């Protein structure tokens, strides 16, 4: 394989990986930037900020969701490894 072709393929893979990360980051999960954007949009529409207690619970729920998703994906990887 020519070095120019390899470099081009690496750039394409990096771009696709970046798109995946961007998509995951904009999801309206409170622990991610999309969650903060969602709360900002809520504040713009209603004219009042959500309570600090609500934001705290939303952050905890988002983190539990993300950790659960990571454990699920890790469990599937382990399951497929020994299958």
C-alpha atoms as a PDB file:
ATOM      1  CA  UNK A   1       0.000   0.000   0.000  1.00  0.00           C
ATOM      2  CA  UNK A   2       1.296   3.424  -0.901  1.00  0.00           C
ATOM      3  CA  UNK A   3       2.068   5.808   1.973  1.00  0.00           C
ATOM      4  CA  UNK A   4      -0.254   8.460   0.544  1.00  0.00           C
ATOM      5  CA  UNK A   5      -3.162   6.000   0.483  1.00  0.00           C
ATOM      6  CA  UNK A   6      -2.458   4.901   4.045  1.00  0.00           C
ATOM      7  CA  UNK A   7      -2.365   8.507   5.265  1.00  0.00           C
ATOM      8  CA  UNK A   8      -5.645   9.224   3.520  1.00  0.00           C
ATOM      9  CA  UNK A   9      -7.308   6.189   5.083  1.00  0.00           C
ATOM     10  CA  UNK A  10      -6.061   7.247   8.513  1.00  0.00           C
ATOM     11  CA  UNK A  11      -7.554  10.706   8.015  1.00  0.00           C
ATOM     12  CA  UNK A  12     -10.898   9.203   6.971  1.00  0.00           C
ATOM     13  CA  UNK A  13     -10.937   6.897  10.027  1.00  0.00           C
ATOM     14  CA  UNK A  14     -10.075   9.804  12.316  1.00  0.00           C
ATOM     15  CA  UNK A  15     -12.895  11.880  10.795  1.00  0.00           C
ATOM     16  CA  UNK A  16     -15.451   9.088  11.251  1.00  0.00           C
ATOM     17  CA  UNK A  17     -14.286   8.576  14.839  1.00  0.00           C
ATOM     18  CA  UNK A  18     -14.647  12.308  15.473  1.00  0.00           C
ATOM     19  CA  UNK A  19     -18.219  12.277  14.133  1.00  0.00           C
ATOM     20  CA  UNK A  20     -19.097   9.469  16.533  1.00  0.00           C
ATOM     21  CA  UNK A  21     -17.644  11.369  19.475  1.00  0.00           C
ATOM     22  CA  UNK A  22     -19.474  14.548  18.458  1.00  0.00           C
ATOM     23  CA  UNK A  23     -22.762  12.666  18.250  1.00  0.00           C
ATOM     24  CA  UNK A  24     -22.303  11.088  21.679  1.00  0.00           C
ATOM     25  CA  UNK A  25     -21.349  14.425  23.220  1.00  0.00           C
ATOM     26  CA  UNK A  26     -24.468  16.258  21.994  1.00  0.00           C
ATOM     27  CA  UNK A  27     -26.918  13.672  23.395  1.00  0.00           C
ATOM     28  CA  UNK A  28     -29.222  15.239  25.997  1.00  0.00           C
ATOM     29  CA  UNK A  29     -27.671  13.263  28.857  1.00  0.00           C
ATOM     30  CA  UNK A  30     -27.037  15.631  31.782  1.00  0.00           C
ATOM     31  CA  UNK A  31     -23.423  14.533  32.294  1.00  0.00           C
ATOM     32  CA  UNK A  32     -22.557  15.473  28.692  1.00  0.00           C
ATOM     33  CA  UNK A  33     -22.510  18.855  26.969  1.00  0.00           C
ATOM     34  CA  UNK A  34     -25.848  18.095  25.345  1.00  0.00           C
ATOM     35  CA  UNK A  35     -27.427  17.970  28.790  1.00  0.00           C
ATOM     36  CA  UNK A  36     -26.058  21.400  29.637  1.00  0.00           C
ATOM     37  CA  UNK A  37     -27.366  22.690  26.298  1.00  0.00           C
ATOM     38  CA  UNK A  38     -30.765  21.175  27.094  1.00  0.00           C
ATOM     39  CA  UNK A  39     -30.909  22.992  30.443  1.00  0.00           C
ATOM     40  CA  UNK A  40     -29.845  26.245  28.781  1.00  0.00           C
ATOM     41  CA  UNK A  41     -32.599  25.898  26.174  1.00  0.00           C
ATOM     42  CA  UNK A  42     -35.082  25.188  28.984  1.00  0.00           C
ATOM     43  CA  UNK A  43     -33.932  28.356  30.739  1.00  0.00           C
ATOM     44  CA  UNK A  44     -34.287  30.395  27.540  1.00  0.00           C
ATOM     45  CA  UNK A  45     -37.829  29.135  26.931  1.00  0.00           C
ATOM     46  CA  UNK A  46     -39.194  29.380  30.478  1.00  0.00           C
ATOM     47  CA  UNK A  47     -37.153  32.355  31.632  1.00  0.00           C
ATOM     48  CA  UNK A  48     -36.093  30.650  34.865  1.00  0.00           C
ATOM     49  CA  UNK A  49     -33.212  28.402  35.773  1.00  0.00           C
ATOM     50  CA  UNK A  50     -33.883  24.853  37.005  1.00  0.00           C
ATOM     51  CA  UNK A  51     -33.263  24.457  40.730  1.00  0.00           C
ATOM     52  CA  UNK A  52     -29.827  23.397  41.893  1.00  0.00           C
ATOM     53  CA  UNK A  53     -31.325  20.292  43.496  1.00  0.00           C
ATOM     54  CA  UNK A  54     -32.900  19.269  40.168  1.00  0.00           C
ATOM     55  CA  UNK A  55     -29.608  19.841  38.328  1.00  0.00           C
ATOM     56  CA  UNK A  56     -27.778  17.743  40.928  1.00  0.00           C
ATOM     57  CA  UNK A  57     -30.223  14.845  40.559  1.00  0.00           C
ATOM     58  CA  UNK A  58     -30.100  15.124  36.764  1.00  0.00           C
ATOM     59  CA  UNK A  59     -26.287  14.940  36.846  1.00  0.00           C
ATOM     60  CA  UNK A  60     -26.412  11.855  39.060  1.00  0.00           C
ATOM     61  CA  UNK A  61     -29.002  10.187  36.824  1.00  0.00           C
ATOM     62  CA  UNK A  62     -26.916  10.959  33.740  1.00  0.00           C
ATOM     63  CA  UNK A  63     -23.779   9.525  35.328  1.00  0.00           C
ATOM     64  CA  UNK A  64     -25.617   6.365  36.404  1.00  0.00           C
ATOM     65  CA  UNK A  65     -26.940   5.995  32.844  1.00  0.00           C
ATOM     66  CA  UNK A  66     -23.471   6.453  31.326  1.00  0.00           C
ATOM     67  CA  UNK A  67     -21.831   4.048  33.771  1.00  0.00           C
ATOM     68  CA  UNK A  68     -24.562   1.486  33.110  1.00  0.00           C
ATOM     69  CA  UNK A  69     -24.085   1.861  29.371  1.00  0.00           C
ATOM     70  CA  UNK A  70     -20.321   1.391  29.735  1.00  0.00           C
ATOM     71  CA  UNK A  71     -20.784  -1.696  31.939  1.00  0.00           C
ATOM     72  CA  UNK A  72     -23.233  -3.142  29.421  1.00  0.00           C
ATOM     73  CA  UNK A  73     -20.815  -2.598  26.520  1.00  0.00           C
ATOM     74  CA  UNK A  74     -17.916  -4.007  28.554  1.00  0.00           C
ATOM     75  CA  UNK A  75     -20.018  -7.020  29.530  1.00  0.00           C
ATOM     76  CA  UNK A  76     -20.879  -7.697  25.897  1.00  0.00           C
ATOM     77  CA  UNK A  77     -17.196  -7.525  24.963  1.00  0.00           C
ATOM     78  CA  UNK A  78     -16.291 -10.012  27.693  1.00  0.00           C
ATOM     79  CA  UNK A  79     -19.202 -12.265  26.694  1.00  0.00           C
ATOM     80  CA  UNK A  80     -18.077 -12.281  23.046  1.00  0.00           C
ATOM     81  CA  UNK A  81     -14.477 -12.909  24.062  1.00  0.00           C
ATOM     82  CA  UNK A  82     -15.347 -16.143  25.855  1.00  0.00           C
ATOM     83  CA  UNK A  83     -18.191 -17.238  23.583  1.00  0.00           C
END
